[in-house]
């Protein structure tokens, strides 16, 4: 087993960091919290309800995940990619609402990615791609934001800035 006898309780507004060596189960914990994996034993609960009992769309409106690695699809501008973070909130198939537009703009600002809005993934450096991924997760406006190595590829200034912004957003 990767994890054994794990107990973790998170409170609203709390910022928690999981630290440990590679392969120690940090990503597995995040996947369990997001409902992407099911535990062999025990339960994972959000608001007292087993994650397995949540409808996927309802869970996606409450929990956003920034994975360690994610390939951005080609052919979309950054602003369109960030808009994809709004998918769990979509009330119509095409087009966005005023709430969506506000959330997208706020996410770009909070991820320090406004200057990237009209660019395409192939034009971005590793750090810029990471800022776009953060913006996508923020656009989702989750109650629980799970970030797996969020500062990877970021220079020191952007690492500090991102962590300060996350602290402010919580």
N, C-alpha and C. Protein backbone atom coordinates (compact mmCIF):
# COMPACT_ATOMS: atom_id res chain seq x y z
N UNK A 1 0.82 -1.21 0.00
CA UNK A 1 0.00 0.00 0.00
C UNK A 1 0.85 1.26 0.00
N UNK A 2 0.39 2.27 -0.72
CA UNK A 2 1.10 3.55 -0.77
C UNK A 2 0.83 4.33 0.51
N UNK A 3 -0.42 4.28 0.98
CA UNK A 3 -0.82 5.02 2.18
C UNK A 3 -1.42 4.05 3.19
N UNK A 4 -1.17 4.31 4.44
CA UNK A 4 -1.73 3.47 5.50
C UNK A 4 -1.99 4.35 6.72
N UNK A 5 -3.13 4.16 7.36
CA UNK A 5 -3.48 4.88 8.59
C UNK A 5 -3.39 6.40 8.42
N UNK A 6 -3.93 6.89 7.33
CA UNK A 6 -3.90 8.32 7.06
C UNK A 6 -5.19 8.96 7.56
N UNK A 7 -5.04 10.03 8.29
CA UNK A 7 -6.18 10.82 8.73
C UNK A 7 -5.82 12.28 8.49
N UNK A 8 -6.70 12.98 7.79
CA UNK A 8 -6.45 14.36 7.43
C UNK A 8 -7.77 15.12 7.48
N UNK A 9 -7.80 16.21 8.19
CA UNK A 9 -8.99 17.06 8.25
C UNK A 9 -8.58 18.46 7.85
N UNK A 10 -9.31 19.02 6.92
CA UNK A 10 -9.04 20.37 6.44
C UNK A 10 -10.20 21.28 6.79
N UNK A 11 -9.89 22.49 7.21
CA UNK A 11 -10.92 23.47 7.54
C UNK A 11 -10.98 24.55 6.46
N UNK A 12 -12.13 25.18 6.29
CA UNK A 12 -12.23 26.26 5.30
C UNK A 12 -11.17 27.34 5.55
N UNK A 13 -10.56 27.79 4.46
CA UNK A 13 -9.55 28.84 4.56
C UNK A 13 -8.17 28.35 4.94
N UNK A 14 -8.05 27.08 5.24
CA UNK A 14 -6.76 26.53 5.66
C UNK A 14 -5.90 26.23 4.44
N UNK A 15 -4.61 26.51 4.58
CA UNK A 15 -3.65 26.22 3.52
C UNK A 15 -2.71 25.16 4.07
N UNK A 16 -2.66 24.02 3.40
CA UNK A 16 -1.87 22.89 3.88
C UNK A 16 -0.89 22.47 2.79
N UNK A 17 0.32 22.17 3.19
CA UNK A 17 1.33 21.66 2.26
C UNK A 17 1.70 20.24 2.66
N UNK A 18 1.71 19.36 1.69
CA UNK A 18 2.19 18.00 1.92
C UNK A 18 3.62 17.94 1.44
N UNK A 19 4.50 17.54 2.34
CA UNK A 19 5.93 17.49 2.02
C UNK A 19 6.43 16.08 2.25
N UNK A 20 7.24 15.61 1.33
CA UNK A 20 7.82 14.29 1.48
C UNK A 20 8.61 13.93 0.24
N UNK A 21 9.34 12.83 0.31
CA UNK A 21 10.16 12.43 -0.83
C UNK A 21 9.29 11.95 -1.99
N UNK A 22 9.89 11.90 -3.17
CA UNK A 22 9.21 11.37 -4.35
C UNK A 22 8.70 9.96 -4.05
N UNK A 23 7.48 9.68 -4.50
CA UNK A 23 6.92 8.34 -4.33
C UNK A 23 6.34 8.07 -2.96
N UNK A 24 6.20 9.11 -2.13
CA UNK A 24 5.71 8.89 -0.77
C UNK A 24 4.19 8.95 -0.65
N UNK A 25 3.49 9.29 -1.75
CA UNK A 25 2.03 9.28 -1.73
C UNK A 25 1.35 10.63 -1.77
N UNK A 26 2.10 11.70 -1.96
CA UNK A 26 1.49 13.04 -1.97
C UNK A 26 0.47 13.17 -3.10
N UNK A 27 0.84 12.79 -4.30
CA UNK A 27 -0.08 12.88 -5.44
C UNK A 27 -1.26 11.94 -5.25
N UNK A 28 -1.02 10.79 -4.68
CA UNK A 28 -2.10 9.84 -4.42
C UNK A 28 -3.12 10.45 -3.46
N UNK A 29 -2.66 11.15 -2.45
CA UNK A 29 -3.58 11.82 -1.51
C UNK A 29 -4.43 12.84 -2.26
N UNK A 30 -3.81 13.65 -3.12
CA UNK A 30 -4.57 14.64 -3.87
C UNK A 30 -5.60 13.98 -4.79
N UNK A 31 -5.22 12.88 -5.41
CA UNK A 31 -6.17 12.17 -6.29
C UNK A 31 -7.32 11.57 -5.50
N UNK A 32 -7.06 11.11 -4.30
CA UNK A 32 -8.13 10.61 -3.43
C UNK A 32 -9.07 11.74 -3.04
N UNK A 33 -8.50 12.89 -2.65
CA UNK A 33 -9.32 14.04 -2.26
C UNK A 33 -10.19 14.54 -3.41
N UNK A 34 -9.68 14.43 -4.62
CA UNK A 34 -10.40 14.90 -5.80
C UNK A 34 -11.40 13.87 -6.31
N UNK A 35 -11.40 12.68 -5.73
CA UNK A 35 -12.31 11.64 -6.20
C UNK A 35 -11.84 10.95 -7.46
N UNK A 36 -10.58 11.17 -7.84
CA UNK A 36 -10.02 10.53 -9.03
C UNK A 36 -9.61 9.10 -8.75
N UNK A 37 -9.35 8.79 -7.50
CA UNK A 37 -9.03 7.44 -7.04
C UNK A 37 -9.97 7.10 -5.89
N UNK A 38 -10.24 5.84 -5.75
CA UNK A 38 -11.04 5.39 -4.61
C UNK A 38 -10.13 4.61 -3.66
N UNK A 39 -10.29 4.86 -2.38
CA UNK A 39 -9.44 4.14 -1.43
C UNK A 39 -9.83 2.66 -1.35
N UNK A 40 -8.84 1.82 -1.11
CA UNK A 40 -9.11 0.39 -0.92
C UNK A 40 -9.85 0.17 0.40
N UNK A 41 -9.60 1.04 1.34
CA UNK A 41 -10.27 0.96 2.65
C UNK A 41 -10.46 2.37 3.16
N UNK A 42 -11.42 2.58 4.02
CA UNK A 42 -11.67 3.89 4.59
C UNK A 42 -12.50 4.75 3.66
N UNK A 43 -12.65 6.01 4.02
CA UNK A 43 -13.45 6.93 3.22
C UNK A 43 -12.75 8.27 3.09
N UNK A 44 -13.12 8.97 2.05
CA UNK A 44 -12.70 10.33 1.83
C UNK A 44 -13.98 11.14 1.79
N UNK A 45 -14.06 12.14 2.65
CA UNK A 45 -15.29 12.93 2.76
C UNK A 45 -15.04 14.41 2.49
N UNK A 46 -16.02 15.00 1.84
CA UNK A 46 -16.04 16.45 1.66
C UNK A 46 -17.38 16.90 2.21
N UNK A 47 -17.31 17.83 3.15
CA UNK A 47 -18.51 18.30 3.85
C UNK A 47 -19.30 17.13 4.44
N UNK A 48 -18.58 16.15 4.98
CA UNK A 48 -19.20 15.02 5.64
C UNK A 48 -19.77 13.96 4.72
N UNK A 49 -19.64 14.16 3.43
CA UNK A 49 -20.20 13.23 2.44
C UNK A 49 -19.08 12.51 1.70
N UNK A 50 -19.20 11.20 1.57
CA UNK A 50 -18.20 10.40 0.87
C UNK A 50 -18.04 10.93 -0.55
N UNK A 51 -16.80 11.12 -0.97
CA UNK A 51 -16.52 11.63 -2.31
C UNK A 51 -17.16 10.74 -3.37
N UNK A 52 -17.22 9.45 -3.13
CA UNK A 52 -17.80 8.52 -4.10
C UNK A 52 -19.30 8.76 -4.30
N UNK A 53 -19.95 9.41 -3.34
CA UNK A 53 -21.39 9.68 -3.44
C UNK A 53 -21.71 10.97 -4.19
N UNK A 54 -20.69 11.78 -4.46
CA UNK A 54 -20.90 13.05 -5.17
C UNK A 54 -21.07 12.79 -6.66
N UNK A 55 -21.97 13.52 -7.31
CA UNK A 55 -22.02 13.49 -8.77
C UNK A 55 -20.77 14.19 -9.26
N UNK A 56 -20.21 13.73 -10.37
CA UNK A 56 -18.95 14.28 -10.88
C UNK A 56 -19.04 15.79 -11.14
N UNK A 57 -20.15 16.25 -11.71
CA UNK A 57 -20.28 17.67 -12.00
C UNK A 57 -20.36 18.50 -10.71
N UNK A 58 -21.04 17.99 -9.71
CA UNK A 58 -21.15 18.69 -8.43
C UNK A 58 -19.78 18.76 -7.74
N UNK A 59 -19.04 17.66 -7.80
CA UNK A 59 -17.71 17.63 -7.21
C UNK A 59 -16.77 18.58 -7.96
N UNK A 60 -16.89 18.62 -9.28
CA UNK A 60 -16.04 19.49 -10.08
C UNK A 60 -16.31 20.97 -9.81
N UNK A 61 -17.51 21.32 -9.39
CA UNK A 61 -17.79 22.71 -9.03
C UNK A 61 -17.16 23.08 -7.69
N UNK A 62 -16.85 22.08 -6.88
CA UNK A 62 -16.32 22.35 -5.54
C UNK A 62 -14.82 22.12 -5.42
N UNK A 63 -14.26 21.24 -6.28
CA UNK A 63 -12.86 20.84 -6.16
C UNK A 63 -12.15 21.04 -7.50
N UNK A 64 -11.06 21.77 -7.49
CA UNK A 64 -10.22 21.93 -8.69
C UNK A 64 -8.86 21.32 -8.40
N UNK A 65 -8.29 20.72 -9.43
CA UNK A 65 -7.00 20.05 -9.30
C UNK A 65 -6.04 20.63 -10.32
N UNK A 66 -4.87 21.00 -9.85
CA UNK A 66 -3.77 21.37 -10.73
C UNK A 66 -2.79 20.20 -10.66
N UNK A 67 -2.78 19.33 -11.67
CA UNK A 67 -1.88 18.18 -11.62
C UNK A 67 -0.42 18.59 -11.83
N UNK A 68 0.48 17.65 -11.54
CA UNK A 68 1.91 17.91 -11.74
C UNK A 68 2.19 18.24 -13.19
N UNK A 69 1.49 17.56 -14.07
CA UNK A 69 1.75 17.71 -15.49
C UNK A 69 0.43 17.63 -16.25
N UNK A 70 0.25 18.52 -17.19
CA UNK A 70 -0.94 18.51 -18.02
C UNK A 70 -0.58 19.13 -19.36
N UNK A 71 -0.85 18.43 -20.41
CA UNK A 71 -0.59 18.96 -21.75
C UNK A 71 -1.74 19.88 -22.14
N UNK A 72 -1.41 21.08 -22.54
CA UNK A 72 -2.42 22.02 -22.99
C UNK A 72 -2.76 21.71 -24.44
N UNK A 73 -4.05 21.65 -24.77
CA UNK A 73 -4.41 21.35 -26.15
C UNK A 73 -4.02 22.48 -27.09
N UNK A 74 -3.52 22.10 -28.26
CA UNK A 74 -3.11 23.08 -29.26
C UNK A 74 -4.34 23.71 -29.90
N UNK A 75 -4.14 24.87 -30.49
CA UNK A 75 -5.21 25.51 -31.26
C UNK A 75 -6.08 26.45 -30.46
N UNK A 76 -5.87 26.53 -29.16
CA UNK A 76 -6.65 27.42 -28.31
C UNK A 76 -5.75 28.52 -27.76
N UNK A 77 -6.27 29.72 -27.71
CA UNK A 77 -5.55 30.80 -27.04
C UNK A 77 -5.65 30.59 -25.53
N UNK A 78 -4.75 31.18 -24.80
CA UNK A 78 -4.73 31.04 -23.34
C UNK A 78 -6.07 31.41 -22.72
N UNK A 79 -6.66 32.51 -23.14
CA UNK A 79 -7.94 32.92 -22.56
C UNK A 79 -9.01 31.85 -22.78
N UNK A 80 -8.96 31.16 -23.90
CA UNK A 80 -9.92 30.07 -24.17
C UNK A 80 -9.64 28.87 -23.27
N UNK A 81 -8.37 28.61 -23.02
CA UNK A 81 -8.00 27.51 -22.12
C UNK A 81 -8.48 27.81 -20.70
N UNK A 82 -8.27 29.04 -20.26
CA UNK A 82 -8.70 29.43 -18.92
C UNK A 82 -10.23 29.32 -18.84
N UNK A 83 -10.92 29.67 -19.90
CA UNK A 83 -12.39 29.55 -19.93
C UNK A 83 -12.83 28.10 -19.76
N UNK A 84 -11.99 27.15 -20.18
CA UNK A 84 -12.33 25.74 -19.99
C UNK A 84 -12.43 25.37 -18.51
N UNK A 85 -11.76 26.15 -17.68
CA UNK A 85 -11.88 25.93 -16.24
C UNK A 85 -13.28 26.21 -15.72
N UNK A 86 -14.07 26.91 -16.50
CA UNK A 86 -15.46 27.23 -16.12
C UNK A 86 -16.43 26.11 -16.49
N UNK A 87 -15.98 25.08 -17.17
CA UNK A 87 -16.85 24.01 -17.65
C UNK A 87 -17.80 23.47 -16.58
N UNK A 88 -17.36 23.22 -15.35
CA UNK A 88 -18.31 22.69 -14.36
C UNK A 88 -19.47 23.64 -14.04
N UNK A 89 -19.31 24.91 -14.36
CA UNK A 89 -20.35 25.90 -14.07
C UNK A 89 -21.19 26.25 -15.30
N UNK A 90 -20.87 25.64 -16.44
CA UNK A 90 -21.53 26.01 -17.70
C UNK A 90 -23.04 25.82 -17.62
N UNK A 91 -23.75 26.86 -18.00
CA UNK A 91 -25.21 26.79 -18.03
C UNK A 91 -25.72 26.64 -19.47
N UNK A 92 -24.80 26.80 -20.40
CA UNK A 92 -25.16 26.60 -21.80
C UNK A 92 -23.97 26.01 -22.53
N UNK A 93 -24.24 25.41 -23.66
CA UNK A 93 -23.21 24.68 -24.39
C UNK A 93 -22.14 25.60 -24.97
N UNK A 94 -22.55 26.71 -25.58
CA UNK A 94 -21.59 27.62 -26.20
C UNK A 94 -21.73 29.02 -25.60
N UNK A 95 -20.63 29.71 -25.52
CA UNK A 95 -20.66 31.07 -25.00
C UNK A 95 -20.52 31.10 -23.50
N UNK A 96 -20.18 32.25 -23.01
CA UNK A 96 -19.99 32.39 -21.57
C UNK A 96 -20.90 33.47 -21.03
N UNK A 97 -21.16 33.37 -19.76
CA UNK A 97 -21.99 34.36 -19.08
C UNK A 97 -21.11 35.48 -18.54
N UNK A 98 -21.73 36.51 -18.03
CA UNK A 98 -20.99 37.61 -17.42
C UNK A 98 -20.21 37.10 -16.21
N UNK A 99 -20.79 36.16 -15.44
CA UNK A 99 -20.07 35.56 -14.30
C UNK A 99 -18.83 34.82 -14.78
N UNK A 100 -18.97 34.09 -15.89
CA UNK A 100 -17.82 33.37 -16.45
C UNK A 100 -16.72 34.35 -16.84
N UNK A 101 -17.09 35.42 -17.52
CA UNK A 101 -16.11 36.41 -17.97
C UNK A 101 -15.38 37.03 -16.78
N UNK A 102 -16.12 37.34 -15.71
CA UNK A 102 -15.49 37.90 -14.51
C UNK A 102 -14.53 36.89 -13.89
N UNK A 103 -14.94 35.63 -13.81
CA UNK A 103 -14.10 34.59 -13.21
C UNK A 103 -12.84 34.36 -14.04
N UNK A 104 -12.98 34.38 -15.36
CA UNK A 104 -11.83 34.19 -16.25
C UNK A 104 -10.83 35.34 -16.07
N UNK A 105 -11.35 36.56 -16.08
CA UNK A 105 -10.47 37.73 -15.90
C UNK A 105 -9.77 37.68 -14.54
N UNK A 106 -10.53 37.40 -13.50
CA UNK A 106 -9.96 37.33 -12.14
C UNK A 106 -8.89 36.25 -12.06
N UNK A 107 -9.13 35.10 -12.70
CA UNK A 107 -8.16 34.00 -12.69
C UNK A 107 -6.88 34.40 -13.41
N UNK A 108 -7.01 35.07 -14.54
CA UNK A 108 -5.83 35.53 -15.27
C UNK A 108 -5.03 36.52 -14.44
N UNK A 109 -5.72 37.43 -13.76
CA UNK A 109 -5.05 38.41 -12.90
C UNK A 109 -4.36 37.68 -11.75
N UNK A 110 -5.09 36.80 -11.06
CA UNK A 110 -4.54 36.13 -9.89
C UNK A 110 -3.38 35.19 -10.22
N UNK A 111 -3.36 34.67 -11.44
CA UNK A 111 -2.26 33.80 -11.86
C UNK A 111 -1.15 34.58 -12.56
N UNK A 112 -1.29 35.90 -12.61
CA UNK A 112 -0.32 36.76 -13.28
C UNK A 112 -0.13 36.31 -14.73
N UNK A 113 -1.26 36.08 -15.40
CA UNK A 113 -1.21 35.56 -16.76
C UNK A 113 -1.97 36.43 -17.77
N UNK A 114 -2.34 37.63 -17.40
CA UNK A 114 -3.08 38.51 -18.32
C UNK A 114 -2.30 38.75 -19.61
N UNK A 115 -0.99 38.91 -19.49
CA UNK A 115 -0.16 39.18 -20.66
C UNK A 115 -0.07 37.98 -21.60
N UNK A 116 -0.56 36.83 -21.17
CA UNK A 116 -0.49 35.60 -21.98
C UNK A 116 -1.81 35.31 -22.68
N UNK A 117 -2.86 36.07 -22.39
CA UNK A 117 -4.23 35.75 -22.81
C UNK A 117 -4.38 35.44 -24.29
N UNK A 118 -3.68 36.14 -25.17
CA UNK A 118 -3.86 35.95 -26.60
C UNK A 118 -2.82 35.03 -27.24
N UNK A 119 -2.00 34.41 -26.41
CA UNK A 119 -0.96 33.52 -26.94
C UNK A 119 -1.47 32.08 -27.00
N UNK A 120 -0.71 31.23 -27.69
CA UNK A 120 -1.04 29.81 -27.84
C UNK A 120 -0.05 28.98 -27.04
N UNK A 121 -0.45 27.78 -26.63
CA UNK A 121 0.43 26.95 -25.78
C UNK A 121 1.83 26.75 -26.33
N UNK A 122 1.98 26.56 -27.64
CA UNK A 122 3.31 26.31 -28.21
C UNK A 122 4.22 27.54 -28.10
N UNK A 123 3.65 28.69 -27.79
CA UNK A 123 4.43 29.93 -27.67
C UNK A 123 4.88 30.18 -26.23
N UNK A 124 4.51 29.32 -25.30
CA UNK A 124 4.75 29.57 -23.88
C UNK A 124 5.96 28.81 -23.34
N UNK A 125 6.65 29.45 -22.42
CA UNK A 125 7.74 28.77 -21.69
C UNK A 125 7.10 27.84 -20.65
N UNK A 126 7.90 27.05 -20.00
CA UNK A 126 7.39 26.15 -18.96
C UNK A 126 6.72 26.91 -17.82
N UNK A 127 7.33 28.00 -17.40
CA UNK A 127 6.75 28.81 -16.32
C UNK A 127 5.46 29.48 -16.73
N UNK A 128 5.41 29.95 -17.98
CA UNK A 128 4.17 30.57 -18.48
C UNK A 128 3.05 29.53 -18.56
N UNK A 129 3.38 28.34 -19.01
CA UNK A 129 2.38 27.26 -19.07
C UNK A 129 1.85 26.96 -17.67
N UNK A 130 2.72 26.97 -16.69
CA UNK A 130 2.31 26.70 -15.32
C UNK A 130 1.34 27.78 -14.82
N UNK A 131 1.61 29.03 -15.16
CA UNK A 131 0.72 30.12 -14.77
C UNK A 131 -0.65 29.96 -15.43
N UNK A 132 -0.67 29.47 -16.66
CA UNK A 132 -1.95 29.23 -17.36
C UNK A 132 -2.71 28.10 -16.66
N UNK A 133 -2.01 27.05 -16.27
CA UNK A 133 -2.67 25.94 -15.57
C UNK A 133 -3.26 26.41 -14.23
N UNK A 134 -2.53 27.27 -13.54
CA UNK A 134 -3.04 27.83 -12.29
C UNK A 134 -4.29 28.65 -12.58
N UNK A 135 -4.27 29.46 -13.63
CA UNK A 135 -5.43 30.27 -13.99
C UNK A 135 -6.64 29.38 -14.32
N UNK A 136 -6.42 28.28 -15.01
CA UNK A 136 -7.52 27.36 -15.33
C UNK A 136 -8.16 26.83 -14.05
N UNK A 137 -7.33 26.47 -13.09
CA UNK A 137 -7.85 25.94 -11.82
C UNK A 137 -8.58 27.04 -11.04
N UNK A 138 -8.04 28.25 -11.04
CA UNK A 138 -8.68 29.35 -10.32
C UNK A 138 -10.01 29.75 -10.97
N UNK A 139 -10.09 29.68 -12.29
CA UNK A 139 -11.32 30.03 -13.00
C UNK A 139 -12.48 29.13 -12.59
N UNK A 140 -12.15 27.96 -12.14
CA UNK A 140 -13.17 27.01 -11.69
C UNK A 140 -13.86 27.50 -10.42
N UNK A 141 -13.24 28.43 -9.71
CA UNK A 141 -13.75 28.98 -8.46
C UNK A 141 -14.14 27.89 -7.46
N UNK A 142 -13.19 27.01 -7.16
CA UNK A 142 -13.49 25.89 -6.27
C UNK A 142 -13.47 26.30 -4.80
N UNK A 143 -14.10 25.49 -4.00
CA UNK A 143 -13.99 25.66 -2.55
C UNK A 143 -12.72 24.98 -2.05
N UNK A 144 -12.29 23.95 -2.77
CA UNK A 144 -11.08 23.21 -2.43
C UNK A 144 -10.18 23.20 -3.65
N UNK A 145 -9.00 23.78 -3.50
CA UNK A 145 -8.04 23.86 -4.59
C UNK A 145 -6.87 22.96 -4.25
N UNK A 146 -6.67 21.93 -5.07
CA UNK A 146 -5.60 20.96 -4.85
C UNK A 146 -4.50 21.20 -5.88
N UNK A 147 -3.34 21.57 -5.41
CA UNK A 147 -2.23 21.91 -6.30
C UNK A 147 -1.09 20.93 -6.10
N UNK A 148 -0.72 20.24 -7.16
CA UNK A 148 0.37 19.27 -7.09
C UNK A 148 1.62 19.91 -7.69
N UNK A 149 2.53 20.33 -6.83
CA UNK A 149 3.75 21.01 -7.22
C UNK A 149 3.46 22.25 -8.07
N UNK A 150 2.69 23.20 -7.51
CA UNK A 150 2.26 24.36 -8.30
C UNK A 150 3.37 25.30 -8.72
N UNK A 151 4.51 25.28 -8.05
CA UNK A 151 5.58 26.22 -8.40
C UNK A 151 6.62 25.63 -9.34
N UNK A 152 6.39 24.39 -9.80
CA UNK A 152 7.33 23.78 -10.73
C UNK A 152 7.41 24.64 -12.00
N UNK A 153 8.58 24.81 -12.53
CA UNK A 153 8.85 25.59 -13.75
C UNK A 153 8.79 27.10 -13.54
N UNK A 154 8.38 27.56 -12.35
CA UNK A 154 8.30 29.00 -12.13
C UNK A 154 9.62 29.53 -11.59
N UNK A 155 10.01 30.72 -12.05
CA UNK A 155 11.20 31.35 -11.49
C UNK A 155 10.87 31.79 -10.07
N UNK A 156 11.89 32.15 -9.32
CA UNK A 156 11.70 32.47 -7.90
C UNK A 156 10.69 33.59 -7.69
N UNK A 157 10.73 34.62 -8.50
CA UNK A 157 9.79 35.74 -8.33
C UNK A 157 8.35 35.28 -8.51
N UNK A 158 8.10 34.44 -9.53
CA UNK A 158 6.74 33.94 -9.75
C UNK A 158 6.34 32.91 -8.68
N UNK A 159 7.28 32.16 -8.15
CA UNK A 159 6.97 31.24 -7.06
C UNK A 159 6.45 32.02 -5.85
N UNK A 160 7.19 33.05 -5.46
CA UNK A 160 6.79 33.88 -4.31
C UNK A 160 5.46 34.55 -4.59
N UNK A 161 5.30 35.11 -5.77
CA UNK A 161 4.07 35.80 -6.13
C UNK A 161 2.87 34.85 -6.08
N UNK A 162 3.02 33.65 -6.66
CA UNK A 162 1.92 32.69 -6.66
C UNK A 162 1.53 32.30 -5.24
N UNK A 163 2.50 32.00 -4.41
CA UNK A 163 2.19 31.59 -3.04
C UNK A 163 1.53 32.73 -2.26
N UNK A 164 1.97 33.97 -2.50
CA UNK A 164 1.34 35.12 -1.84
C UNK A 164 -0.10 35.27 -2.32
N UNK A 165 -0.33 35.11 -3.61
CA UNK A 165 -1.69 35.24 -4.15
C UNK A 165 -2.59 34.14 -3.62
N UNK A 166 -2.08 32.92 -3.54
CA UNK A 166 -2.88 31.81 -3.00
C UNK A 166 -3.24 32.06 -1.54
N UNK A 167 -2.29 32.58 -0.80
CA UNK A 167 -2.54 32.91 0.60
C UNK A 167 -3.66 33.95 0.71
N UNK A 168 -3.60 34.95 -0.16
CA UNK A 168 -4.63 36.00 -0.17
C UNK A 168 -5.99 35.43 -0.60
N UNK A 169 -6.02 34.54 -1.56
CA UNK A 169 -7.26 33.99 -2.10
C UNK A 169 -7.97 33.06 -1.12
N UNK A 170 -7.21 32.44 -0.25
CA UNK A 170 -7.84 31.45 0.64
C UNK A 170 -8.86 32.09 1.55
